[in-house]
Protein backbone atom coordinates (compact mmCIF):
# COMPACT_ATOMS: atom_id res chain seq x y z
CA UNK A 1 21.20 -26.41 -14.14
CA UNK A 2 22.58 -22.99 -14.93
CA UNK A 3 22.71 -22.13 -18.52
CA UNK A 4 23.74 -18.53 -18.16
CA UNK A 5 27.11 -16.71 -17.73
CA UNK A 6 27.92 -13.10 -17.16
CA UNK A 7 30.35 -12.03 -19.91
CA UNK A 8 33.41 -9.86 -19.44
CA UNK A 9 31.59 -6.81 -20.77
CA UNK A 10 29.77 -6.63 -17.41
CA UNK A 11 29.86 -3.12 -16.00
CA UNK A 12 29.44 -4.11 -12.40
CA UNK A 13 26.26 -2.10 -12.02
CA UNK A 14 24.78 -4.73 -9.65
CA UNK A 15 21.19 -4.61 -11.16
CA UNK A 16 21.17 -8.44 -11.52
CA UNK A 17 22.11 -9.48 -8.01
CA UNK A 18 18.89 -8.47 -6.19
CA UNK A 19 16.75 -9.86 -8.98
CA UNK A 20 17.92 -13.52 -8.52
CA UNK A 21 15.29 -15.39 -6.45
CA UNK A 22 17.77 -18.07 -5.29
CA UNK A 23 20.84 -15.82 -4.61
CA UNK A 24 22.92 -17.35 -7.35
CA UNK A 25 24.50 -14.01 -8.45
CA UNK A 26 27.29 -12.38 -6.52
CA UNK A 27 30.05 -9.82 -7.09
CA UNK A 28 33.19 -11.42 -8.39
CA UNK A 29 36.66 -9.97 -8.71
CA UNK A 30 36.14 -8.23 -12.10
CA UNK A 31 32.44 -8.92 -12.92
CA UNK A 32 29.39 -10.29 -11.33
CA UNK A 33 29.29 -14.12 -11.46
CA UNK A 34 26.49 -16.77 -11.43
CA UNK A 35 26.90 -19.75 -9.20
CA UNK A 36 25.89 -22.65 -11.57
CA UNK A 37 25.09 -24.96 -8.62
CA UNK A 38 22.35 -22.52 -7.39
CA UNK A 39 20.96 -21.03 -10.66
CA UNK A 40 17.57 -22.39 -11.69
CA UNK A 41 17.11 -19.72 -14.50
CA UNK A 42 14.15 -18.46 -12.49
CA UNK A 43 12.15 -21.61 -13.23
CA UNK A 44 9.26 -21.78 -10.79
CA UNK A 45 9.59 -18.10 -9.95
CA UNK A 46 9.32 -16.10 -13.17
CA UNK A 47 8.63 -16.72 -16.81
CA UNK A 48 12.10 -15.72 -17.88
CA UNK A 49 15.43 -15.17 -16.20
CA UNK A 50 15.19 -11.92 -14.39
CA UNK A 51 18.94 -11.19 -14.52
CA UNK A 52 18.71 -11.10 -18.32
CA UNK A 53 15.68 -8.78 -18.21
CA UNK A 54 17.38 -6.11 -16.05
CA UNK A 55 20.92 -6.20 -17.47
CA UNK A 56 21.58 -2.75 -19.16
CA UNK A 57 24.43 -4.06 -21.34
CA UNK A 58 22.96 -7.49 -22.27
CA UNK A 59 26.02 -9.35 -20.95
CA UNK A 60 24.22 -12.34 -19.49
CA UNK A 61 24.18 -15.06 -22.13
CA UNK A 62 23.66 -18.77 -22.58
CA UNK A 63 26.78 -20.89 -21.63
CA UNK A 64 28.25 -23.15 -24.30
């Protein structure tokens, strides 16, 4: 169900990881990553994806 990706301009600040209510975000090799099999885009938890709300460099975007 995931519709978001963390782009390569991620600065590895880690702000997004604790905001995910289902634990879909983890630290990858070069950037943080979203596990598409877990991500629910915060549906049922919040009105909007919290990772997008807290990202200081706006690198979390809709996947194509």
